[in-house]
Amino acid sequence: MEPTYGGVCTLNKRYNWINFATLITISRIPLLVAAYFVYVNIGVWQGVVTLMVAASTDFWDGWVARKFNYVTNVGRMLDPVFDKIFMIGSLVFAVTVIDGQYQSMAIRLVLAVEVFLTLITIFQVAQGKPVPTVVKAGKWGMFMRMTAVISLFLAPGLPGVFGVAFTVLGCSTAVIGAALGLIASRSYIREVRAGAPDQHS
């Protein structure tokens, strides 16, 4: 019997290297690079749209994998790795283009949390273990941190009160996302120490 993935579909051994789903995962990084050049050379809105397209690949690779039974060990390994590369790359991108004391502090806070979570993942993988099991706090934390990044990217291109509102949204979601990331890290650290995934609801 083939092993199941999340109780949804079977692990596909036939396409256990590169398939369409993993190509979508890999495309996340070239699209991030494109977003940087578009943001700097063409405009804020165009750059943010490109960044959001890049971010959406995190949904589409999973959807394609489940829909067409392209779930593989390689895909399961690459997806969280490229998530971390994408998030840290987005934050480095943000540090270079976003001005303002509070905006800069928010971005650096999120960057510090992402680096910390990435180091946990690297330590786990270096021991020959699967990447830490994602918990709800981790998922919501990632959502909040991504919201912070996109909001702070958009703020300079918005007039008056809208720019201020998106700046406040970005800074507040950065703090919430950082807090949730630290909460999730406790579970990840326990998992690393135990050497086996925890059971999460």
N, C-alpha and C. Protein backbone atom coordinates (compact mmCIF):
# COMPACT_ATOMS: atom_id res chain seq x y z
N MET A 1 0.85 -1.21 0.00
CA MET A 1 0.00 0.00 0.00
C MET A 1 0.88 1.25 0.00
N GLU A 2 0.56 2.20 -0.88
CA GLU A 2 1.35 3.43 -0.96
C GLU A 2 1.09 4.31 0.26
N PRO A 3 2.14 4.96 0.77
CA PRO A 3 1.93 5.87 1.90
C PRO A 3 1.10 7.06 1.50
N THR A 4 0.27 7.53 2.44
CA THR A 4 -0.58 8.68 2.14
C THR A 4 0.10 9.94 2.59
N TYR A 5 -0.34 11.06 2.01
CA TYR A 5 0.21 12.37 2.36
C TYR A 5 -0.93 13.21 2.89
N GLY A 6 -0.92 13.42 4.21
CA GLY A 6 -1.97 14.22 4.84
C GLY A 6 -3.34 13.61 4.70
N GLY A 7 -3.40 12.27 4.44
CA GLY A 7 -4.69 11.61 4.30
C GLY A 7 -5.43 12.02 3.05
N VAL A 8 -4.75 12.66 2.08
CA VAL A 8 -5.44 13.18 0.90
C VAL A 8 -5.13 12.35 -0.33
N CYS A 9 -3.84 12.09 -0.58
CA CYS A 9 -3.48 11.34 -1.77
C CYS A 9 -2.20 10.56 -1.49
N THR A 10 -1.85 9.68 -2.40
CA THR A 10 -0.71 8.81 -2.19
C THR A 10 0.58 9.47 -2.60
N LEU A 11 1.67 8.97 -2.03
CA LEU A 11 3.00 9.44 -2.40
C LEU A 11 3.36 8.85 -3.75
N ASN A 12 3.63 9.69 -4.72
CA ASN A 12 3.86 9.24 -6.09
C ASN A 12 5.33 8.94 -6.29
N LYS A 13 5.66 7.64 -6.44
CA LYS A 13 7.05 7.25 -6.62
C LYS A 13 7.49 7.35 -8.08
N ARG A 14 6.56 7.40 -8.99
CA ARG A 14 6.89 7.48 -10.40
C ARG A 14 7.54 8.82 -10.74
N TYR A 15 7.03 9.89 -10.14
CA TYR A 15 7.55 11.24 -10.40
C TYR A 15 8.26 11.76 -9.15
N ASN A 16 9.17 10.95 -8.61
CA ASN A 16 9.77 11.30 -7.33
C ASN A 16 11.00 12.19 -7.47
N TRP A 17 11.07 12.97 -8.53
CA TRP A 17 12.15 13.94 -8.66
C TRP A 17 11.53 15.27 -9.07
N ILE A 18 11.71 15.70 -10.30
CA ILE A 18 11.16 16.97 -10.74
C ILE A 18 9.87 16.74 -11.53
N ASN A 19 8.79 17.38 -11.11
CA ASN A 19 7.54 17.36 -11.86
C ASN A 19 6.99 18.79 -11.88
N PHE A 20 5.78 18.96 -12.41
CA PHE A 20 5.23 20.30 -12.58
C PHE A 20 5.07 21.01 -11.23
N ALA A 21 4.67 20.26 -10.20
CA ALA A 21 4.49 20.86 -8.88
C ALA A 21 5.81 21.39 -8.33
N THR A 22 6.89 20.61 -8.48
CA THR A 22 8.18 21.07 -7.97
C THR A 22 8.73 22.23 -8.81
N LEU A 23 8.40 22.25 -10.09
CA LEU A 23 8.81 23.39 -10.92
C LEU A 23 8.13 24.68 -10.45
N ILE A 24 6.87 24.57 -10.03
CA ILE A 24 6.18 25.74 -9.48
C ILE A 24 6.88 26.19 -8.20
N THR A 25 7.26 25.23 -7.36
CA THR A 25 7.99 25.55 -6.13
C THR A 25 9.29 26.29 -6.45
N ILE A 26 10.05 25.77 -7.40
CA ILE A 26 11.34 26.35 -7.76
C ILE A 26 11.17 27.75 -8.35
N SER A 27 10.05 27.98 -9.06
CA SER A 27 9.83 29.28 -9.72
C SER A 27 9.68 30.42 -8.72
N ARG A 28 9.45 30.09 -7.45
CA ARG A 28 9.24 31.11 -6.43
C ARG A 28 10.42 32.07 -6.35
N ILE A 29 11.63 31.56 -6.50
CA ILE A 29 12.83 32.40 -6.32
C ILE A 29 13.08 33.28 -7.55
N PRO A 30 13.04 32.76 -8.78
CA PRO A 30 13.17 33.67 -9.93
C PRO A 30 12.10 34.76 -9.95
N LEU A 31 10.88 34.43 -9.52
CA LEU A 31 9.82 35.43 -9.48
C LEU A 31 10.10 36.49 -8.41
N LEU A 32 10.72 36.10 -7.30
CA LEU A 32 11.11 37.06 -6.27
C LEU A 32 12.16 38.03 -6.81
N VAL A 33 13.13 37.50 -7.53
CA VAL A 33 14.16 38.36 -8.14
C VAL A 33 13.51 39.32 -9.13
N ALA A 34 12.56 38.80 -9.92
CA ALA A 34 11.85 39.65 -10.88
C ALA A 34 11.08 40.74 -10.16
N ALA A 35 10.46 40.41 -9.01
CA ALA A 35 9.69 41.40 -8.25
C ALA A 35 10.58 42.55 -7.79
N TYR A 36 11.79 42.22 -7.38
CA TYR A 36 12.72 43.26 -6.94
C TYR A 36 13.03 44.24 -8.06
N PHE A 37 13.36 43.71 -9.23
CA PHE A 37 13.72 44.58 -10.35
C PHE A 37 12.51 45.39 -10.85
N VAL A 38 11.33 44.77 -10.82
CA VAL A 38 10.13 45.49 -11.24
C VAL A 38 9.82 46.61 -10.24
N TYR A 39 9.91 46.32 -8.95
CA TYR A 39 9.63 47.32 -7.89
C TYR A 39 10.57 48.51 -8.02
N VAL A 40 11.84 48.24 -8.22
CA VAL A 40 12.85 49.30 -8.26
C VAL A 40 12.81 50.09 -9.57
N ASN A 41 12.59 49.39 -10.68
CA ASN A 41 12.75 50.03 -11.99
C ASN A 41 11.45 50.42 -12.68
N ILE A 42 10.33 49.82 -12.27
CA ILE A 42 9.06 50.11 -12.96
C ILE A 42 8.08 50.81 -12.03
N GLY A 43 7.80 50.22 -10.87
CA GLY A 43 6.85 50.86 -9.97
C GLY A 43 6.49 49.98 -8.80
N VAL A 44 5.97 50.64 -7.74
CA VAL A 44 5.62 49.94 -6.51
C VAL A 44 4.54 48.89 -6.75
N TRP A 45 3.43 49.31 -7.38
CA TRP A 45 2.31 48.39 -7.56
C TRP A 45 2.68 47.19 -8.42
N GLN A 46 3.41 47.45 -9.51
CA GLN A 46 3.81 46.35 -10.38
C GLN A 46 4.72 45.37 -9.65
N GLY A 47 5.62 45.93 -8.81
CA GLY A 47 6.51 45.07 -8.05
C GLY A 47 5.77 44.23 -7.03
N VAL A 48 4.80 44.84 -6.35
CA VAL A 48 4.04 44.11 -5.34
C VAL A 48 3.19 43.01 -5.99
N VAL A 49 2.60 43.30 -7.15
CA VAL A 49 1.82 42.28 -7.86
C VAL A 49 2.71 41.10 -8.22
N THR A 50 3.92 41.38 -8.71
CA THR A 50 4.85 40.31 -9.05
C THR A 50 5.23 39.51 -7.80
N LEU A 51 5.42 40.22 -6.68
CA LEU A 51 5.74 39.55 -5.42
C LEU A 51 4.59 38.65 -4.98
N MET A 52 3.35 39.11 -5.14
CA MET A 52 2.20 38.32 -4.75
C MET A 52 2.04 37.09 -5.63
N VAL A 53 2.36 37.24 -6.91
CA VAL A 53 2.35 36.07 -7.81
C VAL A 53 3.38 35.05 -7.33
N ALA A 54 4.56 35.55 -6.95
CA ALA A 54 5.59 34.65 -6.43
C ALA A 54 5.11 33.95 -5.16
N ALA A 55 4.49 34.72 -4.25
CA ALA A 55 3.99 34.15 -2.99
C ALA A 55 2.90 33.11 -3.24
N SER A 56 2.07 33.33 -4.28
CA SER A 56 0.96 32.41 -4.56
C SER A 56 1.44 31.03 -4.99
N THR A 57 2.69 30.91 -5.42
CA THR A 57 3.19 29.59 -5.82
C THR A 57 3.20 28.62 -4.64
N ASP A 58 3.22 29.16 -3.41
CA ASP A 58 3.18 28.30 -2.23
C ASP A 58 1.84 27.58 -2.14
N PHE A 59 0.78 28.20 -2.66
CA PHE A 59 -0.53 27.54 -2.73
C PHE A 59 -0.61 26.62 -3.93
N TRP A 60 -0.18 27.13 -5.09
CA TRP A 60 -0.39 26.39 -6.33
C TRP A 60 0.44 25.11 -6.41
N ASP A 61 1.65 25.11 -5.85
CA ASP A 61 2.42 23.86 -5.93
C ASP A 61 1.74 22.74 -5.14
N GLY A 62 1.19 23.09 -3.96
CA GLY A 62 0.47 22.09 -3.19
C GLY A 62 -0.81 21.63 -3.87
N TRP A 63 -1.53 22.58 -4.48
CA TRP A 63 -2.78 22.24 -5.17
C TRP A 63 -2.50 21.31 -6.33
N VAL A 64 -1.50 21.62 -7.14
CA VAL A 64 -1.16 20.78 -8.29
C VAL A 64 -0.71 19.40 -7.82
N ALA A 65 0.10 19.37 -6.75
CA ALA A 65 0.60 18.09 -6.24
C ALA A 65 -0.55 17.18 -5.81
N ARG A 66 -1.54 17.76 -5.11
CA ARG A 66 -2.67 16.96 -4.65
C ARG A 66 -3.62 16.61 -5.79
N LYS A 67 -3.88 17.59 -6.67
CA LYS A 67 -4.84 17.38 -7.76
C LYS A 67 -4.38 16.31 -8.73
N PHE A 68 -3.09 16.32 -9.08
CA PHE A 68 -2.57 15.41 -10.09
C PHE A 68 -1.68 14.31 -9.50
N ASN A 69 -1.78 14.13 -8.20
CA ASN A 69 -1.03 13.08 -7.52
C ASN A 69 0.47 13.21 -7.80
N TYR A 70 1.00 14.43 -7.65
CA TYR A 70 2.42 14.68 -7.82
C TYR A 70 3.13 14.85 -6.47
N VAL A 71 2.51 14.38 -5.40
CA VAL A 71 3.14 14.49 -4.09
C VAL A 71 4.35 13.56 -4.04
N THR A 72 5.52 14.11 -3.78
CA THR A 72 6.75 13.33 -3.74
C THR A 72 7.58 13.71 -2.52
N ASN A 73 8.53 12.84 -2.19
CA ASN A 73 9.44 13.16 -1.10
C ASN A 73 10.27 14.39 -1.42
N VAL A 74 10.66 14.53 -2.69
CA VAL A 74 11.44 15.69 -3.11
C VAL A 74 10.61 16.97 -2.93
N GLY A 75 9.36 16.93 -3.36
CA GLY A 75 8.49 18.09 -3.23
C GLY A 75 8.25 18.46 -1.78
N ARG A 76 8.06 17.47 -0.94
CA ARG A 76 7.83 17.72 0.48
C ARG A 76 9.08 18.31 1.14
N MET A 77 10.25 17.98 0.61
CA MET A 77 11.49 18.54 1.15
C MET A 77 11.73 19.95 0.62
N LEU A 78 11.48 20.14 -0.70
CA LEU A 78 11.80 21.43 -1.32
C LEU A 78 10.86 22.55 -0.87
N ASP A 79 9.58 22.25 -0.68
CA ASP A 79 8.60 23.30 -0.41
C ASP A 79 8.94 24.13 0.83
N PRO A 80 9.19 23.52 2.00
CA PRO A 80 9.53 24.35 3.16
C PRO A 80 10.87 25.06 3.01
N VAL A 81 11.81 24.43 2.29
CA VAL A 81 13.12 25.08 2.07
C VAL A 81 12.94 26.34 1.23
N PHE A 82 12.17 26.23 0.14
CA PHE A 82 11.95 27.38 -0.72
C PHE A 82 11.06 28.42 -0.04
N ASP A 83 10.17 27.98 0.86
CA ASP A 83 9.39 28.93 1.66
C ASP A 83 10.33 29.84 2.46
N LYS A 84 11.32 29.23 3.11
CA LYS A 84 12.24 29.99 3.95
C LYS A 84 13.13 30.90 3.09
N ILE A 85 13.63 30.37 1.98
CA ILE A 85 14.46 31.19 1.10
C ILE A 85 13.65 32.37 0.58
N PHE A 86 12.41 32.12 0.20
CA PHE A 86 11.54 33.17 -0.33
C PHE A 86 11.27 34.23 0.73
N MET A 87 10.94 33.80 1.94
CA MET A 87 10.59 34.76 2.98
C MET A 87 11.79 35.61 3.35
N ILE A 88 12.93 34.98 3.56
CA ILE A 88 14.13 35.74 3.93
C ILE A 88 14.55 36.65 2.79
N GLY A 89 14.46 36.14 1.54
CA GLY A 89 14.78 36.98 0.38
C GLY A 89 13.86 38.18 0.28
N SER A 90 12.56 37.98 0.56
CA SER A 90 11.61 39.09 0.53
C SER A 90 11.95 40.14 1.57
N LEU A 91 12.40 39.69 2.74
CA LEU A 91 12.73 40.61 3.82
C LEU A 91 14.01 41.39 3.53
N VAL A 92 14.98 40.71 2.94
CA VAL A 92 16.21 41.41 2.54
C VAL A 92 15.87 42.45 1.47
N PHE A 93 15.02 42.06 0.54
CA PHE A 93 14.50 42.96 -0.49
C PHE A 93 13.84 44.17 0.18
N ALA A 94 12.99 43.91 1.19
CA ALA A 94 12.27 44.99 1.87
C ALA A 94 13.22 45.94 2.60
N VAL A 95 14.24 45.37 3.24
CA VAL A 95 15.21 46.21 3.97
C VAL A 95 15.89 47.20 3.03
N THR A 96 16.13 46.77 1.79
CA THR A 96 16.87 47.63 0.84
C THR A 96 16.00 48.72 0.23
N VAL A 97 14.66 48.56 0.22
CA VAL A 97 13.83 49.52 -0.51
C VAL A 97 12.84 50.30 0.36
N ILE A 98 12.59 49.84 1.58
CA ILE A 98 11.57 50.48 2.42
C ILE A 98 12.23 51.45 3.39
N ASP A 99 11.74 52.69 3.39
CA ASP A 99 12.27 53.72 4.28
C ASP A 99 11.36 53.89 5.50
N GLY A 100 11.88 54.58 6.51
CA GLY A 100 11.08 54.88 7.71
C GLY A 100 11.58 54.09 8.90
N GLN A 101 11.67 54.75 10.04
CA GLN A 101 12.22 54.12 11.24
C GLN A 101 11.39 52.93 11.70
N TYR A 102 10.06 53.13 11.82
CA TYR A 102 9.21 52.06 12.33
C TYR A 102 9.08 50.93 11.32
N GLN A 103 8.98 51.29 10.04
CA GLN A 103 8.91 50.27 9.00
C GLN A 103 10.17 49.41 9.00
N SER A 104 11.32 50.07 9.13
CA SER A 104 12.59 49.34 9.14
C SER A 104 12.69 48.43 10.35
N MET A 105 12.24 48.92 11.51
CA MET A 105 12.27 48.10 12.73
C MET A 105 11.36 46.88 12.57
N ALA A 106 10.18 47.07 11.98
CA ALA A 106 9.24 45.96 11.79
C ALA A 106 9.82 44.90 10.87
N ILE A 107 10.43 45.35 9.76
CA ILE A 107 11.01 44.41 8.81
C ILE A 107 12.16 43.63 9.46
N ARG A 108 13.00 44.32 10.22
CA ARG A 108 14.13 43.66 10.87
C ARG A 108 13.67 42.67 11.95
N LEU A 109 12.57 42.99 12.62
CA LEU A 109 12.01 42.06 13.60
C LEU A 109 11.56 40.77 12.92
N VAL A 110 10.83 40.92 11.82
CA VAL A 110 10.36 39.75 11.08
C VAL A 110 11.55 38.96 10.54
N LEU A 111 12.55 39.66 10.02
CA LEU A 111 13.74 39.00 9.48
C LEU A 111 14.45 38.18 10.56
N ALA A 112 14.57 38.74 11.76
CA ALA A 112 15.23 38.03 12.86
C ALA A 112 14.49 36.73 13.20
N VAL A 113 13.15 36.81 13.24
CA VAL A 113 12.34 35.61 13.54
C VAL A 113 12.49 34.57 12.44
N GLU A 114 12.46 35.02 11.18
CA GLU A 114 12.59 34.08 10.07
C GLU A 114 13.95 33.39 10.07
N VAL A 115 14.99 34.14 10.36
CA VAL A 115 16.34 33.53 10.43
C VAL A 115 16.39 32.50 11.56
N PHE A 116 15.79 32.84 12.71
CA PHE A 116 15.75 31.91 13.84
C PHE A 116 15.03 30.62 13.47
N LEU A 117 13.85 30.74 12.85
CA LEU A 117 13.08 29.56 12.46
C LEU A 117 13.82 28.75 11.40
N THR A 118 14.52 29.44 10.50
CA THR A 118 15.28 28.75 9.46
C THR A 118 16.43 27.96 10.07
N LEU A 119 17.09 28.52 11.07
CA LEU A 119 18.19 27.81 11.73
C LEU A 119 17.70 26.53 12.40
N ILE A 120 16.49 26.58 12.98
CA ILE A 120 15.90 25.37 13.57
C ILE A 120 15.70 24.31 12.49
N THR A 121 15.17 24.73 11.34
CA THR A 121 14.94 23.79 10.23
C THR A 121 16.25 23.21 9.74
N ILE A 122 17.26 24.06 9.56
CA ILE A 122 18.56 23.59 9.08
C ILE A 122 19.16 22.57 10.06
N PHE A 123 19.06 22.86 11.36
CA PHE A 123 19.58 21.95 12.37
C PHE A 123 18.89 20.60 12.29
N GLN A 124 17.57 20.62 12.11
CA GLN A 124 16.80 19.38 12.01
C GLN A 124 17.22 18.58 10.78
N VAL A 125 17.31 19.24 9.64
CA VAL A 125 17.67 18.57 8.38
C VAL A 125 19.10 18.05 8.44
N ALA A 126 19.99 18.82 9.06
CA ALA A 126 21.40 18.42 9.17
C ALA A 126 21.55 17.13 9.97
N GLN A 127 20.60 16.85 10.85
CA GLN A 127 20.62 15.62 11.62
C GLN A 127 19.98 14.45 10.86
N GLY A 128 19.59 14.71 9.63
CA GLY A 128 18.98 13.67 8.81
C GLY A 128 17.53 13.41 9.13
N LYS A 129 16.86 14.40 9.74
CA LYS A 129 15.46 14.26 10.13
C LYS A 129 14.58 15.10 9.21
N PRO A 130 13.29 14.80 9.14
CA PRO A 130 12.38 15.64 8.34
C PRO A 130 12.31 17.06 8.91
N VAL A 131 11.87 18.00 8.07
CA VAL A 131 11.70 19.37 8.55
C VAL A 131 10.64 19.37 9.65
N PRO A 132 10.73 20.28 10.62
CA PRO A 132 9.77 20.29 11.72
C PRO A 132 8.32 20.39 11.23
N THR A 133 7.43 19.70 11.94
CA THR A 133 6.02 19.71 11.59
C THR A 133 5.44 21.11 11.81
N VAL A 134 4.78 21.62 10.77
CA VAL A 134 4.22 22.97 10.87
C VAL A 134 2.98 22.95 11.76
N VAL A 135 2.94 23.85 12.74
CA VAL A 135 1.80 23.95 13.65
C VAL A 135 0.96 25.17 13.27
N LYS A 136 -0.22 25.27 13.88
CA LYS A 136 -1.13 26.37 13.53
C LYS A 136 -0.51 27.73 13.78
N ALA A 137 0.19 27.87 14.90
CA ALA A 137 0.84 29.16 15.19
C ALA A 137 1.85 29.50 14.12
N GLY A 138 2.53 28.47 13.59
CA GLY A 138 3.49 28.69 12.52
C GLY A 138 2.83 29.15 11.24
N LYS A 139 1.71 28.53 10.89
CA LYS A 139 0.99 28.90 9.67
C LYS A 139 0.45 30.32 9.76
N TRP A 140 -0.19 30.63 10.90
CA TRP A 140 -0.74 31.98 11.06
C TRP A 140 0.37 33.02 11.18
N GLY A 141 1.47 32.63 11.80
CA GLY A 141 2.60 33.54 11.91
C GLY A 141 3.16 33.88 10.55
N MET A 142 3.31 32.87 9.69
CA MET A 142 3.79 33.11 8.34
C MET A 142 2.84 34.02 7.58
N PHE A 143 1.52 33.79 7.74
CA PHE A 143 0.53 34.63 7.07
C PHE A 143 0.66 36.08 7.54
N MET A 144 0.80 36.29 8.84
CA MET A 144 0.92 37.64 9.38
C MET A 144 2.20 38.32 8.91
N ARG A 145 3.28 37.57 8.89
CA ARG A 145 4.56 38.16 8.47
C ARG A 145 4.55 38.50 6.98
N MET A 146 3.89 37.66 6.19
CA MET A 146 3.79 37.96 4.76
C MET A 146 2.88 39.16 4.54
N THR A 147 1.80 39.26 5.34
CA THR A 147 0.92 40.44 5.27
C THR A 147 1.70 41.70 5.61
N ALA A 148 2.56 41.62 6.61
CA ALA A 148 3.38 42.76 7.02
C ALA A 148 4.28 43.21 5.87
N VAL A 149 4.93 42.25 5.25
CA VAL A 149 5.86 42.58 4.16
C VAL A 149 5.12 43.25 3.00
N ILE A 150 4.01 42.66 2.57
CA ILE A 150 3.26 43.20 1.43
C ILE A 150 2.70 44.58 1.77
N SER A 151 2.18 44.74 3.00
CA SER A 151 1.63 46.04 3.42
C SER A 151 2.70 47.13 3.39
N LEU A 152 3.87 46.81 3.90
CA LEU A 152 4.95 47.80 3.94
C LEU A 152 5.52 48.08 2.56
N PHE A 153 5.45 47.09 1.68
CA PHE A 153 5.83 47.32 0.30
C PHE A 153 4.85 48.28 -0.39
N LEU A 154 3.56 48.08 -0.10
CA LEU A 154 2.52 48.87 -0.77
C LEU A 154 2.44 50.31 -0.25
N ALA A 155 2.72 50.51 1.03
CA ALA A 155 2.50 51.81 1.68
C ALA A 155 3.11 52.99 0.92
N PRO A 156 4.36 52.90 0.41
CA PRO A 156 4.92 54.06 -0.28
C PRO A 156 4.18 54.45 -1.56
N GLY A 157 3.43 53.52 -2.13
CA GLY A 157 2.71 53.82 -3.37
C GLY A 157 1.29 54.29 -3.16
N LEU A 158 0.88 54.45 -1.89
CA LEU A 158 -0.48 54.86 -1.57
C LEU A 158 -0.51 56.31 -1.08
N PRO A 159 -1.56 57.04 -1.44
CA PRO A 159 -1.62 58.46 -1.04
C PRO A 159 -2.09 58.65 0.40
N GLY A 160 -1.54 59.65 1.08
CA GLY A 160 -2.03 60.14 2.37
C GLY A 160 -2.37 59.10 3.39
N VAL A 161 -3.65 59.13 3.82
CA VAL A 161 -4.11 58.30 4.91
C VAL A 161 -4.00 56.81 4.58
N PHE A 162 -4.11 56.45 3.31
CA PHE A 162 -4.01 55.04 2.93
C PHE A 162 -2.59 54.52 3.16
N GLY A 163 -1.62 55.35 2.83
CA GLY A 163 -0.24 54.97 3.09
C GLY A 163 0.02 54.78 4.57
N VAL A 164 -0.53 55.68 5.39
CA VAL A 164 -0.38 55.57 6.84
C VAL A 164 -1.06 54.30 7.36
N ALA A 165 -2.27 54.02 6.85
CA ALA A 165 -3.02 52.84 7.29
C ALA A 165 -2.25 51.56 6.98
N PHE A 166 -1.66 51.48 5.78
CA PHE A 166 -0.92 50.28 5.41
C PHE A 166 0.38 50.18 6.19
N THR A 167 0.96 51.32 6.55
CA THR A 167 2.15 51.30 7.40
C THR A 167 1.82 50.74 8.78
N VAL A 168 0.70 51.21 9.36
CA VAL A 168 0.25 50.71 10.66
C VAL A 168 -0.07 49.22 10.57
N LEU A 169 -0.77 48.83 9.50
CA LEU A 169 -1.11 47.41 9.31
C LEU A 169 0.16 46.58 9.22
N GLY A 170 1.13 47.05 8.45
CA GLY A 170 2.37 46.31 8.28
C GLY A 170 3.14 46.16 9.58
N CYS A 171 3.24 47.25 10.33
CA CYS A 171 3.99 47.19 11.59
C CYS A 171 3.30 46.30 12.62
N SER A 172 1.96 46.39 12.70
CA SER A 172 1.23 45.59 13.69
C SER A 172 1.26 44.11 13.35
N THR A 173 1.07 43.77 12.08
CA THR A 173 1.11 42.35 11.70
C THR A 173 2.52 41.79 11.80
N ALA A 174 3.53 42.64 11.66
CA ALA A 174 4.91 42.19 11.86
C ALA A 174 5.12 41.74 13.30
N VAL A 175 4.60 42.54 14.26
CA VAL A 175 4.75 42.19 15.67
C VAL A 175 3.98 40.91 15.99
N ILE A 176 2.72 40.83 15.50
CA ILE A 176 1.91 39.63 15.75
C ILE A 176 2.56 38.40 15.12
N GLY A 177 3.01 38.55 13.87
CA GLY A 177 3.65 37.43 13.17
C GLY A 177 4.92 36.98 13.86
N ALA A 178 5.70 37.93 14.38
CA ALA A 178 6.91 37.57 15.10
C ALA A 178 6.58 36.80 16.37
N ALA A 179 5.55 37.27 17.10
CA ALA A 179 5.14 36.59 18.34
C ALA A 179 4.67 35.17 18.05
N LEU A 180 3.85 35.00 17.02
CA LEU A 180 3.37 33.66 16.65
C LEU A 180 4.53 32.77 16.21
N GLY A 181 5.49 33.34 15.50
CA GLY A 181 6.66 32.57 15.09
C GLY A 181 7.45 32.05 16.28
N LEU A 182 7.59 32.89 17.31
CA LEU A 182 8.31 32.47 18.51
C LEU A 182 7.53 31.40 19.28
N ILE A 183 6.19 31.54 19.28
CA ILE A 183 5.35 30.51 19.92
C ILE A 183 5.53 29.18 19.19
N ALA A 184 5.49 29.23 17.85
CA ALA A 184 5.66 28.01 17.05
C ALA A 184 7.04 27.40 17.26
N SER A 185 8.05 28.25 17.46
CA SER A 185 9.42 27.75 17.60
C SER A 185 9.56 26.83 18.81
N ARG A 186 8.75 27.04 19.84
CA ARG A 186 8.81 26.17 21.02
C ARG A 186 8.47 24.74 20.64
N SER A 187 7.44 24.59 19.79
CA SER A 187 7.06 23.26 19.33
C SER A 187 8.15 22.65 18.45
N TYR A 188 8.73 23.48 17.57
CA TYR A 188 9.77 22.99 16.68
C TYR A 188 11.00 22.54 17.46
N ILE A 189 11.36 23.32 18.49
CA ILE A 189 12.53 22.96 19.31
C ILE A 189 12.28 21.66 20.07
N ARG A 190 11.06 21.50 20.60
CA ARG A 190 10.72 20.24 21.27
C ARG A 190 10.83 19.07 20.31
N GLU A 191 10.41 19.29 19.07
CA GLU A 191 10.46 18.22 18.07
C GLU A 191 11.91 17.86 17.75
N VAL A 192 12.75 18.86 17.62
CA VAL A 192 14.17 18.62 17.35
C VAL A 192 14.79 17.80 18.49
N ARG A 193 14.47 18.18 19.73
CA ARG A 193 15.03 17.48 20.88
C ARG A 193 14.52 16.05 20.98
N ALA A 194 13.22 15.88 20.66
CA ALA A 194 12.62 14.54 20.77
C ALA A 194 13.05 13.64 19.63
N GLY A 195 13.35 14.25 18.47
CA GLY A 195 13.76 13.47 17.31
C GLY A 195 12.62 12.83 16.56
N ALA A 196 11.37 13.23 16.93
CA ALA A 196 10.19 12.70 16.24
C ALA A 196 9.13 13.77 16.25
N PRO A 197 8.25 13.79 15.21
CA PRO A 197 7.21 14.81 15.15
C PRO A 197 6.25 14.72 16.31
N ASP A 198 5.87 15.90 16.84
CA ASP A 198 4.78 15.94 17.82
C ASP A 198 3.46 15.72 17.10
N GLN A 199 2.44 15.37 17.87
CA GLN A 199 1.10 15.26 17.32
C GLN A 199 0.37 16.56 17.56
N HIS A 200 -0.07 17.22 16.50
CA HIS A 200 -0.74 18.52 16.62
C HIS A 200 -2.16 18.41 16.10
N SER A 201 -3.06 19.11 16.73
CA SER A 201 -4.45 19.11 16.27
C SER A 201 -4.63 20.11 15.18
